[in-house]
Amino acid sequence: METANYTRVTEFVLTGLSQAREVQLVLFVIFLSFYLFILPVNILIICTIRLDPHLTSPMYFLLANLAFLDIWYSSITAPKMLVDFFVERKVISFGGCIAQLFFLHFVGASEMFLLTVMAFDRYAAICRPLHYATIMNQRLCCILVAFSWMGGFIHSTIQVALIVRLPFCGPNELDSYFCDITQVVRIACANTFPEELVMIFSSGLISVVCFIALLLSYAFLLVMLRKHSGSGEGTSRAMSTCYSHITIVVLMFGPSVYIYARPFDSFSPDKVVSVFHTVIFPLLNPIIYTLRNKEVKMAMRKLVNRYIVCKEK
């Protein structure tokens, strides 16, 4: 392969979600509404957990980190997608494409690992309640969160290292609204079978293993809780928390397994699944994980009321 082949494609053309003007306007309003909900709600969650002295347990520390990741995850694809609804020719530079791909997998994988940490936190709280504070101490929480970020960084670096070494010398159209490995690999001017195997092993295997591990762990917790179903309101709340976490796990990992744990061929539902993965999932996270929590909702009301009073003064 000649080195010149690597520099022939300097930008990629995105087909977007639809070519119809009316559909684009409707999608713009819907996705803008989603994005304007995701940003302030997650910022409010972080501020509430940081400022409220009663929300100091490891669970709230992990929820604040999840909210932070959701802000970044939704901001990787949504702003450009919203702008592109009003652009005739949707393009992204080669460097911009690689950056988008890197941060998408960095934040996405970090969030997957963090959800696994949160499952361990629920296990410690439910199965080892007397030792919970000792097991999930602040130091261990910080280490687990750091490992989640580190795992996401390593995973994303592998994806990008495989992509940048491929030659792109011919077609430059991506049948999507953002850059991802499944689209970019298809248009490379080379046999990408070895790279695809590594990417499927990296992205697909992480998704499948974490998915199965999380489902098994929550199933185990539900069995344990059912054995103590007569313990009152505390057990009912714990079971409700587990069910909500299982919902998020299915919604997060289902699309991820579908996209990355199979050969990178073109399937018609890909765009719909990608929208769910990159836009809908960050929208559901704060609703299911945090806004169903009474303590967080009460603390958020207090913070907002305090802010309103300060502004009136």
C-alpha atoms as a PDB file:
ATOM      1  CA  MET A   1       0.000   0.000   0.000  1.00  0.00           C
ATOM      2  CA  GLU A   2       1.330   3.394  -0.874  1.00  0.00           C
ATOM      3  CA  THR A   3       1.447   6.058   1.775  1.00  0.00           C
ATOM      4  CA  ALA A   4      -0.358   8.493  -0.543  1.00  0.00           C
ATOM      5  CA  ASN A   5      -3.468   6.362  -0.346  1.00  0.00           C
ATOM      6  CA  TYR A   6      -3.845   7.266   3.301  1.00  0.00           C
ATOM      7  CA  THR A   7      -4.254  10.991   2.608  1.00  0.00           C
ATOM      8  CA  ARG A   8      -6.643  10.989  -0.388  1.00  0.00           C
ATOM      9  CA  VAL A   9      -9.809  11.187   1.725  1.00  0.00           C
ATOM     10  CA  THR A  10      -9.765  14.341   3.837  1.00  0.00           C
ATOM     11  CA  GLU A  11     -13.450  14.394   4.747  1.00  0.00           C
ATOM     12  CA  PHE A  12     -16.454  12.107   4.989  1.00  0.00           C
ATOM     13  CA  VAL A  13     -19.965  12.802   3.733  1.00  0.00           C
ATOM     14  CA  LEU A  14     -22.776  11.815   6.111  1.00  0.00           C
ATOM     15  CA  THR A  15     -26.140  10.775   4.662  1.00  0.00           C
ATOM     16  CA  GLY A  16     -27.965  11.786   7.852  1.00  0.00           C
ATOM     17  CA  LEU A  17     -31.221  10.342   9.161  1.00  0.00           C
ATOM     18  CA  SER A  18     -33.471  11.551   6.336  1.00  0.00           C
ATOM     19  CA  GLN A  19     -33.357  13.524   3.097  1.00  0.00           C
ATOM     20  CA  ALA A  20     -36.932  14.838   3.388  1.00  0.00           C
ATOM     21  CA  ARG A  21     -37.009  18.443   4.618  1.00  0.00           C
ATOM     22  CA  GLU A  22     -40.197  18.032   6.648  1.00  0.00           C
ATOM     23  CA  VAL A  23     -38.887  14.932   8.412  1.00  0.00           C
ATOM     24  CA  GLN A  24     -35.621  16.708   9.220  1.00  0.00           C
ATOM     25  CA  LEU A  25     -37.481  19.616  10.849  1.00  0.00           C
ATOM     26  CA  VAL A  26     -39.568  17.244  12.975  1.00  0.00           C
ATOM     27  CA  LEU A  27     -36.468  15.304  14.017  1.00  0.00           C
ATOM     28  CA  PHE A  28     -34.666  18.559  14.824  1.00  0.00           C
ATOM     29  CA  VAL A  29     -37.427  19.643  17.231  1.00  0.00           C
ATOM     30  CA  ILE A  30     -37.563  16.194  18.884  1.00  0.00           C
ATOM     31  CA  PHE A  31     -33.814  15.756  19.330  1.00  0.00           C
ATOM     32  CA  LEU A  32     -33.274  19.363  20.395  1.00  0.00           C
ATOM     33  CA  SER A  33     -35.914  18.839  23.100  1.00  0.00           C
ATOM     34  CA  PHE A  34     -34.126  15.679  24.231  1.00  0.00           C
ATOM     35  CA  TYR A  35     -30.742  17.428  24.330  1.00  0.00           C
ATOM     36  CA  LEU A  36     -32.117  20.445  26.205  1.00  0.00           C
ATOM     37  CA  PHE A  37     -33.510  18.027  28.780  1.00  0.00           C
ATOM     38  CA  ILE A  38     -30.351  15.919  29.111  1.00  0.00           C
ATOM     39  CA  LEU A  39     -27.909  18.802  29.713  1.00  0.00           C
ATOM     40  CA  PRO A  40     -29.624  20.813  32.495  1.00  0.00           C
ATOM     41  CA  VAL A  41     -31.055  17.765  34.276  1.00  0.00           C
ATOM     42  CA  ASN A  42     -27.676  16.021  34.490  1.00  0.00           C
ATOM     43  CA  ILE A  43     -25.954  19.251  35.554  1.00  0.00           C
ATOM     44  CA  LEU A  44     -28.619  19.685  38.241  1.00  0.00           C
ATOM     45  CA  ILE A  45     -28.080  16.084  39.394  1.00  0.00           C
ATOM     46  CA  ILE A  46     -24.323  16.642  39.731  1.00  0.00           C
ATOM     47  CA  CYS A  47     -24.752  19.953  41.592  1.00  0.00           C
ATOM     48  CA  THR A  48     -27.389  18.453  43.909  1.00  0.00           C
ATOM     49  CA  ILE A  49     -25.251  15.459  44.857  1.00  0.00           C
ATOM     50  CA  ARG A  50     -22.169  17.626  45.326  1.00  0.00           C
ATOM     51  CA  LEU A  51     -23.902  20.288  47.452  1.00  0.00           C
ATOM     52  CA  ASP A  52     -26.337  18.250  49.560  1.00  0.00           C
ATOM     53  CA  PRO A  53     -24.659  16.934  52.744  1.00  0.00           C
ATOM     54  CA  HIS A  54     -27.149  14.043  53.005  1.00  0.00           C
ATOM     55  CA  LEU A  55     -26.251  12.527  49.616  1.00  0.00           C
ATOM     56  CA  THR A  56     -22.852  11.172  50.540  1.00  0.00           C
ATOM     57  CA  SER A  57     -23.281   7.417  50.090  1.00  0.00           C
ATOM     58  CA  PRO A  58     -21.285   5.629  47.339  1.00  0.00           C
ATOM     59  CA  MET A  59     -24.456   5.187  45.267  1.00  0.00           C
ATOM     60  CA  TYR A  60     -24.832   8.963  44.863  1.00  0.00           C
ATOM     61  CA  PHE A  61     -21.152   9.387  44.070  1.00  0.00           C
ATOM     62  CA  LEU A  62     -21.567   6.841  41.250  1.00  0.00           C
ATOM     63  CA  LEU A  63     -24.787   8.502  40.053  1.00  0.00           C
ATOM     64  CA  ALA A  64     -22.982  11.847  39.798  1.00  0.00           C
ATOM     65  CA  ASN A  65     -20.285  10.214  37.685  1.00  0.00           C
ATOM     66  CA  LEU A  66     -22.948   8.602  35.493  1.00  0.00           C
ATOM     67  CA  ALA A  67     -24.614  12.002  34.990  1.00  0.00           C
ATOM     68  CA  PHE A  68     -21.246  13.511  34.021  1.00  0.00           C
ATOM     69  CA  LEU A  69     -20.665  10.758  31.441  1.00  0.00           C
ATOM     70  CA  ASP A  70     -24.185  11.218  30.067  1.00  0.00           C
ATOM     71  CA  ILE A  71     -23.506  14.906  29.424  1.00  0.00           C
ATOM     72  CA  TRP A  72     -20.425  14.082  27.395  1.00  0.00           C
ATOM     73  CA  TYR A  73     -21.916  11.043  25.670  1.00  0.00           C
ATOM     74  CA  SER A  74     -24.923  12.979  24.392  1.00  0.00           C
ATOM     75  CA  SER A  75     -22.705  15.920  23.348  1.00  0.00           C
ATOM     76  CA  ILE A  76     -20.474  13.813  21.085  1.00  0.00           C
ATOM     77  CA  THR A  77     -23.058  13.299  18.338  1.00  0.00           C
ATOM     78  CA  ALA A  78     -26.135  15.450  19.108  1.00  0.00           C
ATOM     79  CA  PRO A  79     -24.793  19.004  18.412  1.00  0.00           C
ATOM     80  CA  LYS A  80     -23.438  18.139  14.953  1.00  0.00           C
ATOM     81  CA  MET A  81     -26.544  16.109  14.130  1.00  0.00           C
ATOM     82  CA  LEU A  82     -28.750  19.107  15.022  1.00  0.00           C
ATOM     83  CA  VAL A  83     -26.670  21.483  12.884  1.00  0.00           C
ATOM     84  CA  ASP A  84     -26.665  19.043   9.952  1.00  0.00           C
ATOM     85  CA  PHE A  85     -30.469  19.084   9.782  1.00  0.00           C
ATOM     86  CA  PHE A  86     -30.094  22.561   8.185  1.00  0.00           C
ATOM     87  CA  VAL A  87     -27.109  21.747   5.949  1.00  0.00           C
ATOM     88  CA  GLU A  88     -27.504  20.454   2.412  1.00  0.00           C
ATOM     89  CA  ARG A  89     -24.149  18.665   2.313  1.00  0.00           C
ATOM     90  CA  LYS A  90     -23.311  17.032   5.638  1.00  0.00           C
ATOM     91  CA  VAL A  91     -19.556  16.620   5.935  1.00  0.00           C
ATOM     92  CA  ILE A  92     -17.060  15.908   8.679  1.00  0.00           C
ATOM     93  CA  SER A  93     -13.292  16.165   8.363  1.00  0.00           C
ATOM     94  CA  PHE A  94     -11.138  13.061   8.693  1.00  0.00           C
ATOM     95  CA  GLY A  95      -9.690  14.378  11.964  1.00  0.00           C
ATOM     96  CA  GLY A  96     -13.152  15.303  13.253  1.00  0.00           C
ATOM     97  CA  CYS A  97     -14.406  11.833  12.376  1.00  0.00           C
ATOM     98  CA  ILE A  98     -11.569  10.143  14.262  1.00  0.00           C
ATOM     99  CA  ALA A  99     -12.106  12.445  17.266  1.00  0.00           C
ATOM    100  CA  GLN A 100     -15.844  11.702  17.308  1.00  0.00           C
ATOM    101  CA  LEU A 101     -15.169   7.984  17.047  1.00  0.00           C
ATOM    102  CA  PHE A 102     -12.586   8.111  19.836  1.00  0.00           C
ATOM    103  CA  PHE A 103     -14.732   9.996  22.336  1.00  0.00           C
ATOM    104  CA  LEU A 104     -17.839   7.967  21.487  1.00  0.00           C
ATOM    105  CA  HIS A 105     -16.087   4.717  22.418  1.00  0.00           C
ATOM    106  CA  PHE A 106     -14.131   6.270  25.295  1.00  0.00           C
ATOM    107  CA  VAL A 107     -17.215   7.621  27.066  1.00  0.00           C
ATOM    108  CA  GLY A 108     -19.473   4.742  25.989  1.00  0.00           C
ATOM    109  CA  ALA A 109     -17.150   2.023  27.281  1.00  0.00           C
ATOM    110  CA  SER A 110     -16.486   4.010  30.476  1.00  0.00           C
ATOM    111  CA  GLU A 111     -20.239   4.158  31.052  1.00  0.00           C
ATOM    112  CA  MET A 112     -20.548   0.396  30.543  1.00  0.00           C
ATOM    113  CA  PHE A 113     -17.837  -0.264  33.101  1.00  0.00           C
ATOM    114  CA  LEU A 114     -19.424   2.243  35.494  1.00  0.00           C
ATOM    115  CA  LEU A 115     -22.781   0.448  35.247  1.00  0.00           C
ATOM    116  CA  THR A 116     -20.929  -2.736  36.221  1.00  0.00           C
ATOM    117  CA  VAL A 117     -19.461  -0.931  39.240  1.00  0.00           C
ATOM    118  CA  MET A 118     -22.952   0.274  40.172  1.00  0.00           C
ATOM    119  CA  ALA A 119     -24.195  -3.327  40.071  1.00  0.00           C
ATOM    120  CA  PHE A 120     -21.417  -4.283  42.498  1.00  0.00           C
ATOM    121  CA  ASP A 121     -22.451  -1.369  44.703  1.00  0.00           C
ATOM    122  CA  ARG A 122     -26.056  -2.668  44.797  1.00  0.00           C
ATOM    123  CA  TYR A 123     -24.753  -6.165  45.604  1.00  0.00           C
ATOM    124  CA  ALA A 124     -22.772  -4.828  48.567  1.00  0.00           C
ATOM    125  CA  ALA A 125     -25.739  -2.738  49.778  1.00  0.00           C
ATOM    126  CA  ILE A 126     -28.263  -5.593  49.557  1.00  0.00           C
ATOM    127  CA  CYS A 127     -26.222  -8.674  50.423  1.00  0.00           C
ATOM    128  CA  ARG A 128     -23.702  -7.141  52.848  1.00  0.00           C
ATOM    129  CA  PRO A 129     -25.634  -4.253  54.452  1.00  0.00           C
ATOM    130  CA  LEU A 130     -23.705  -4.331  57.736  1.00  0.00           C
ATOM    131  CA  HIS A 131     -20.363  -4.134  55.931  1.00  0.00           C
ATOM    132  CA  TYR A 132     -21.505  -1.850  53.089  1.00  0.00           C
ATOM    133  CA  ALA A 133     -19.775   1.294  54.379  1.00  0.00           C
ATOM    134  CA  THR A 134     -16.547  -0.640  54.865  1.00  0.00           C
ATOM    135  CA  ILE A 135     -16.639  -2.378  51.489  1.00  0.00           C
ATOM    136  CA  MET A 136     -17.694   0.638  49.392  1.00  0.00           C
ATOM    137  CA  ASN A 137     -15.475   3.221  51.044  1.00  0.00           C
ATOM    138  CA  GLN A 138     -14.550   6.466  49.298  1.00  0.00           C
ATOM    139  CA  ARG A 139     -11.118   5.221  48.271  1.00  0.00           C
ATOM    140  CA  LEU A 140     -12.490   2.090  46.590  1.00  0.00           C
ATOM    141  CA  CYS A 141     -15.211   4.119  44.817  1.00  0.00           C
ATOM    142  CA  CYS A 142     -12.605   6.493  43.381  1.00  0.00           C
ATOM    143  CA  ILE A 143     -10.427   3.563  42.274  1.00  0.00           C
ATOM    144  CA  LEU A 144     -13.357   1.783  40.576  1.00  0.00           C
ATOM    145  CA  VAL A 145     -14.432   4.962  38.776  1.00  0.00           C
ATOM    146  CA  ALA A 146     -10.834   5.588  37.685  1.00  0.00           C
ATOM    147  CA  PHE A 147     -10.591   2.023  36.347  1.00  0.00           C
ATOM    148  CA  SER A 148     -13.854   2.561  34.446  1.00  0.00           C
ATOM    149  CA  TRP A 149     -12.382   5.627  32.740  1.00  0.00           C
ATOM    150  CA  MET A 150      -9.069   3.875  32.137  1.00  0.00           C
ATOM    151  CA  GLY A 151     -10.828   0.858  30.610  1.00  0.00           C
ATOM    152  CA  GLY A 152     -12.810   3.137  28.305  1.00  0.00           C
ATOM    153  CA  PHE A 153      -9.637   4.975  27.260  1.00  0.00           C
ATOM    154  CA  ILE A 154      -7.753   1.755  26.455  1.00  0.00           C
ATOM    155  CA  HIS A 155     -10.712   0.339  24.546  1.00  0.00           C
ATOM    156  CA  SER A 156     -11.134   3.517  22.485  1.00  0.00           C
ATOM    157  CA  THR A 157      -7.412   3.802  21.768  1.00  0.00           C
ATOM    158  CA  ILE A 158      -7.464   0.299  20.281  1.00  0.00           C
ATOM    159  CA  GLN A 159     -10.383   1.222  17.987  1.00  0.00           C
ATOM    160  CA  VAL A 160      -8.717   4.421  16.770  1.00  0.00           C
ATOM    161  CA  ALA A 161      -5.308   2.756  16.283  1.00  0.00           C
ATOM    162  CA  LEU A 162      -6.936   0.211  13.967  1.00  0.00           C
ATOM    163  CA  ILE A 163      -8.862   2.853  12.006  1.00  0.00           C
ATOM    164  CA  VAL A 164      -6.075   5.393  11.364  1.00  0.00           C
ATOM    165  CA  ARG A 165      -3.781   2.799   9.794  1.00  0.00           C
ATOM    166  CA  LEU A 166      -6.355   1.899   7.125  1.00  0.00           C
ATOM    167  CA  PRO A 167      -6.131   3.481   3.644  1.00  0.00           C
ATOM    168  CA  PHE A 168      -9.105   5.610   2.533  1.00  0.00           C
ATOM    169  CA  CYS A 169      -8.646   6.343  -1.131  1.00  0.00           C
ATOM    170  CA  GLY A 170     -12.048   6.014  -2.802  1.00  0.00           C
ATOM    171  CA  PRO A 171     -15.629   6.374  -1.519  1.00  0.00           C
ATOM    172  CA  ASN A 172     -16.111   8.711   1.411  1.00  0.00           C
ATOM    173  CA  GLU A 173     -19.865   8.485   2.089  1.00  0.00           C
ATOM    174  CA  LEU A 174     -20.986   7.170   5.479  1.00  0.00           C
ATOM    175  CA  ASP A 175     -24.568   5.925   5.689  1.00  0.00           C
ATOM    176  CA  SER A 176     -25.095   7.464   9.116  1.00  0.00           C
ATOM    177  CA  TYR A 177     -25.366  10.784  10.977  1.00  0.00           C
ATOM    178  CA  PHE A 178     -22.076  10.328  12.868  1.00  0.00           C
ATOM    179  CA  CYS A 179     -18.743   8.520  12.573  1.00  0.00           C
ATOM    180  CA  ASP A 180     -18.436   5.047  13.998  1.00  0.00           C
ATOM    181  CA  ILE A 181     -16.197   2.082  13.323  1.00  0.00           C
ATOM    182  CA  THR A 182     -18.966   0.029  11.692  1.00  0.00           C
ATOM    183  CA  GLN A 183     -19.369   2.672   8.967  1.00  0.00           C
ATOM    184  CA  VAL A 184     -15.785   3.829   8.511  1.00  0.00           C
ATOM    185  CA  VAL A 185     -14.315   0.327   8.151  1.00  0.00           C
ATOM    186  CA  ARG A 186     -16.678  -0.482   5.266  1.00  0.00           C
ATOM    187  CA  ILE A 187     -15.238   2.200   2.963  1.00  0.00           C
ATOM    188  CA  ALA A 188     -11.535   1.477   3.539  1.00  0.00           C
ATOM    189  CA  CYS A 189      -9.527   0.574   0.421  1.00  0.00           C
ATOM    190  CA  ALA A 190      -8.164  -2.647   1.868  1.00  0.00           C
ATOM    191  CA  ASN A 191      -9.113  -6.016   3.253  1.00  0.00           C
ATOM    192  CA  THR A 192     -10.354  -5.100   6.734  1.00  0.00           C
ATOM    193  CA  PHE A 193     -11.204  -8.606   7.944  1.00  0.00           C
ATOM    194  CA  PRO A 194      -8.388  -8.740  10.566  1.00  0.00           C
ATOM    195  CA  GLU A 195      -9.296  -5.267  11.873  1.00  0.00           C
ATOM    196  CA  GLU A 196     -12.974  -6.188  12.020  1.00  0.00           C
ATOM    197  CA  LEU A 197     -12.188  -9.287  14.061  1.00  0.00           C
ATOM    198  CA  VAL A 198     -10.220  -7.250  16.601  1.00  0.00           C
ATOM    199  CA  MET A 199     -12.931  -4.565  16.747  1.00  0.00           C
ATOM    200  CA  ILE A 200     -15.704  -7.131  17.199  1.00  0.00           C
ATOM    201  CA  PHE A 201     -13.616  -8.859  19.855  1.00  0.00           C
ATOM    202  CA  SER A 202     -12.985  -5.528  21.613  1.00  0.00           C
ATOM    203  CA  SER A 203     -16.350  -3.738  21.303  1.00  0.00           C
ATOM    204  CA  GLY A 204     -18.613  -6.749  20.898  1.00  0.00           C
ATOM    205  CA  LEU A 205     -17.039  -8.891  23.584  1.00  0.00           C
ATOM    206  CA  ILE A 206     -17.036  -6.055  26.133  1.00  0.00           C
ATOM    207  CA  SER A 207     -20.732  -5.455  25.437  1.00  0.00           C
ATOM    208  CA  VAL A 208     -21.737  -9.120  25.603  1.00  0.00           C
ATOM    209  CA  VAL A 209     -19.670 -10.004  28.684  1.00  0.00           C
ATOM    210  CA  CYS A 210     -20.782  -6.929  30.661  1.00  0.00           C
ATOM    211  CA  PHE A 211     -24.383  -7.473  29.559  1.00  0.00           C
ATOM    212  CA  ILE A 212     -24.485 -11.102  30.683  1.00  0.00           C
ATOM    213  CA  ALA A 213     -22.592 -10.369  33.907  1.00  0.00           C
ATOM    214  CA  LEU A 214     -24.975  -7.540  34.807  1.00  0.00           C
ATOM    215  CA  LEU A 215     -28.109  -9.560  34.048  1.00  0.00           C
ATOM    216  CA  LEU A 216     -26.831 -12.478  36.142  1.00  0.00           C
ATOM    217  CA  SER A 217     -25.853 -10.216  39.037  1.00  0.00           C
ATOM    218  CA  TYR A 218     -29.229  -8.466  39.119  1.00  0.00           C
ATOM    219  CA  ALA A 219     -31.040 -11.805  38.773  1.00  0.00           C
ATOM    220  CA  PHE A 220     -29.077 -13.039  41.788  1.00  0.00           C
ATOM    221  CA  LEU A 221     -29.987  -9.900  43.752  1.00  0.00           C
ATOM    222  CA  LEU A 222     -33.672 -10.292  42.910  1.00  0.00           C
ATOM    223  CA  VAL A 223     -33.610 -13.914  44.084  1.00  0.00           C
ATOM    224  CA  MET A 224     -31.982 -12.814  47.343  1.00  0.00           C
ATOM    225  CA  LEU A 225     -34.574 -10.055  47.809  1.00  0.00           C
ATOM    226  CA  ARG A 226     -37.503 -12.381  47.123  1.00  0.00           C
ATOM    227  CA  LYS A 227     -36.292 -14.645  49.915  1.00  0.00           C
ATOM    228  CA  HIS A 228     -36.655 -11.651  52.239  1.00  0.00           C
ATOM    229  CA  SER A 229     -39.803 -10.278  50.617  1.00  0.00           C
ATOM    230  CA  GLY A 230     -41.476  -9.951  54.002  1.00  0.00           C
ATOM    231  CA  SER A 231     -38.915  -7.434  55.264  1.00  0.00           C
ATOM    232  CA  GLY A 232     -41.116  -4.428  54.409  1.00  0.00           C
ATOM    233  CA  GLU A 233     -40.613  -1.176  52.518  1.00  0.00           C
ATOM    234  CA  GLY A 234     -36.814  -1.420  52.370  1.00  0.00           C
ATOM    235  CA  THR A 235     -36.989  -4.669  50.391  1.00  0.00           C
ATOM    236  CA  SER A 236     -39.625  -3.268  48.035  1.00  0.00           C
ATOM    237  CA  ARG A 237     -37.460  -0.208  47.330  1.00  0.00           C
ATOM    238  CA  ALA A 238     -34.405  -2.382  46.724  1.00  0.00           C
ATOM    239  CA  MET A 239     -36.357  -4.565  44.279  1.00  0.00           C
ATOM    240  CA  SER A 240     -37.677  -1.475  42.507  1.00  0.00           C
ATOM    241  CA  THR A 241     -34.104  -0.166  42.203  1.00  0.00           C
ATOM    242  CA  CYS A 242     -32.935  -3.494  40.732  1.00  0.00           C
ATOM    243  CA  TYR A 243     -35.756  -3.541  38.179  1.00  0.00           C
ATOM    244  CA  SER A 244     -34.963   0.012  37.077  1.00  0.00           C
ATOM    245  CA  HIS A 245     -31.263  -0.842  36.772  1.00  0.00           C
ATOM    246  CA  ILE A 246     -32.098  -3.935  34.692  1.00  0.00           C
ATOM    247  CA  THR A 247     -34.163  -1.713  32.370  1.00  0.00           C
ATOM    248  CA  ILE A 248     -31.199   0.586  31.779  1.00  0.00           C
ATOM    249  CA  VAL A 249     -28.833  -2.363  31.279  1.00  0.00           C
ATOM    250  CA  VAL A 250     -31.097  -3.847  28.584  1.00  0.00           C
ATOM    251  CA  LEU A 251     -31.587  -0.471  26.884  1.00  0.00           C
ATOM    252  CA  MET A 252     -27.865   0.307  26.975  1.00  0.00           C
ATOM    253  CA  PHE A 253     -26.367  -3.057  26.093  1.00  0.00           C
ATOM    254  CA  GLY A 254     -29.046  -4.364  23.707  1.00  0.00           C
ATOM    255  CA  PRO A 255     -28.267  -1.845  20.925  1.00  0.00           C
ATOM    256  CA  SER A 256     -24.542  -2.078  21.661  1.00  0.00           C
ATOM    257  CA  VAL A 257     -24.533  -5.875  21.266  1.00  0.00           C
ATOM    258  CA  TYR A 258     -26.596  -5.564  18.073  1.00  0.00           C
ATOM    259  CA  ILE A 259     -24.232  -2.989  16.526  1.00  0.00           C
ATOM    260  CA  TYR A 260     -20.804  -4.286  17.557  1.00  0.00           C
ATOM    261  CA  ALA A 261     -21.118  -8.035  18.198  1.00  0.00           C
ATOM    262  CA  ARG A 262     -21.706  -8.988  14.555  1.00  0.00           C
ATOM    263  CA  PRO A 263     -19.946  -8.498  11.189  1.00  0.00           C
ATOM    264  CA  PHE A 264     -19.941  -4.865  10.050  1.00  0.00           C
ATOM    265  CA  ASP A 265     -22.443  -5.262   7.217  1.00  0.00           C
ATOM    266  CA  SER A 266     -25.152  -2.766   6.374  1.00  0.00           C
ATOM    267  CA  PHE A 267     -28.537  -3.450   7.936  1.00  0.00           C
ATOM    268  CA  SER A 268     -31.530  -1.152   7.459  1.00  0.00           C
ATOM    269  CA  PRO A 269     -32.356  -0.843  11.209  1.00  0.00           C
ATOM    270  CA  ASP A 270     -28.801   0.348  11.999  1.00  0.00           C
ATOM    271  CA  LYS A 271     -29.710   4.057  12.079  1.00  0.00           C
ATOM    272  CA  VAL A 272     -32.713   3.509  14.334  1.00  0.00           C
ATOM    273  CA  VAL A 273     -30.636   1.437  16.750  1.00  0.00           C
ATOM    274  CA  SER A 274     -27.858   4.049  16.669  1.00  0.00           C
ATOM    275  CA  VAL A 275     -30.328   6.826  17.514  1.00  0.00           C
ATOM    276  CA  PHE A 276     -31.536   4.796  20.469  1.00  0.00           C
ATOM    277  CA  HIS A 277     -27.950   4.153  21.539  1.00  0.00           C
ATOM    278  CA  THR A 278     -26.630   7.719  21.239  1.00  0.00           C
ATOM    279  CA  VAL A 279     -29.693   9.901  21.933  1.00  0.00           C
ATOM    280  CA  ILE A 280     -32.465   7.992  23.730  1.00  0.00           C
ATOM    281  CA  PHE A 281     -30.262   6.151  26.215  1.00  0.00           C
ATOM    282  CA  PRO A 282     -28.707   9.321  27.756  1.00  0.00           C
ATOM    283  CA  LEU A 283     -32.261  10.672  28.027  1.00  0.00           C
ATOM    284  CA  LEU A 284     -33.500   7.650  29.998  1.00  0.00           C
ATOM    285  CA  ASN A 285     -30.511   7.410  32.345  1.00  0.00           C
ATOM    286  CA  PRO A 286     -31.374  10.356  34.627  1.00  0.00           C
ATOM    287  CA  ILE A 287     -35.076   9.435  34.583  1.00  0.00           C
ATOM    288  CA  ILE A 288     -34.659   5.799  35.587  1.00  0.00           C
ATOM    289  CA  TYR A 289     -31.555   5.996  37.779  1.00  0.00           C
ATOM    290  CA  THR A 290     -31.924   9.324  39.549  1.00  0.00           C
ATOM    291  CA  LEU A 291     -35.307  11.024  39.177  1.00  0.00           C
ATOM    292  CA  ARG A 292     -37.073   7.981  40.650  1.00  0.00           C
ATOM    293  CA  ASN A 293     -35.000   8.410  43.803  1.00  0.00           C
ATOM    294  CA  LYS A 294     -37.001  10.287  46.469  1.00  0.00           C
ATOM    295  CA  GLU A 295     -33.936  11.604  48.293  1.00  0.00           C
ATOM    296  CA  VAL A 296     -32.455  13.050  45.117  1.00  0.00           C
ATOM    297  CA  LYS A 297     -35.750  14.611  44.042  1.00  0.00           C
ATOM    298  CA  MET A 298     -36.210  16.264  47.437  1.00  0.00           C
ATOM    299  CA  ALA A 299     -32.629  17.557  47.403  1.00  0.00           C
ATOM    300  CA  MET A 300     -33.091  18.902  43.856  1.00  0.00           C
ATOM    301  CA  ARG A 301     -36.234  20.774  44.888  1.00  0.00           C
ATOM    302  CA  LYS A 302     -34.400  22.317  47.845  1.00  0.00           C
ATOM    303  CA  LEU A 303     -31.502  23.383  45.610  1.00  0.00           C
ATOM    304  CA  VAL A 304     -33.803  24.928  42.996  1.00  0.00           C
ATOM    305  CA  ASN A 305     -35.863  26.719  45.671  1.00  0.00           C
ATOM    306  CA  ARG A 306     -32.684  28.033  47.278  1.00  0.00           C
ATOM    307  CA  TYR A 307     -31.524  29.326  43.896  1.00  0.00           C
ATOM    308  CA  ILE A 308     -34.881  31.031  43.253  1.00  0.00           C
ATOM    309  CA  VAL A 309     -34.822  32.708  46.689  1.00  0.00           C
ATOM    310  CA  CYS A 310     -31.257  33.946  46.131  1.00  0.00           C
ATOM    311  CA  LYS A 311     -32.219  35.427  42.744  1.00  0.00           C
ATOM    312  CA  GLU A 312     -35.236  37.227  44.233  1.00  0.00           C
ATOM    313  CA  LYS A 313     -33.004  38.848  46.825  1.00  0.00           C
END
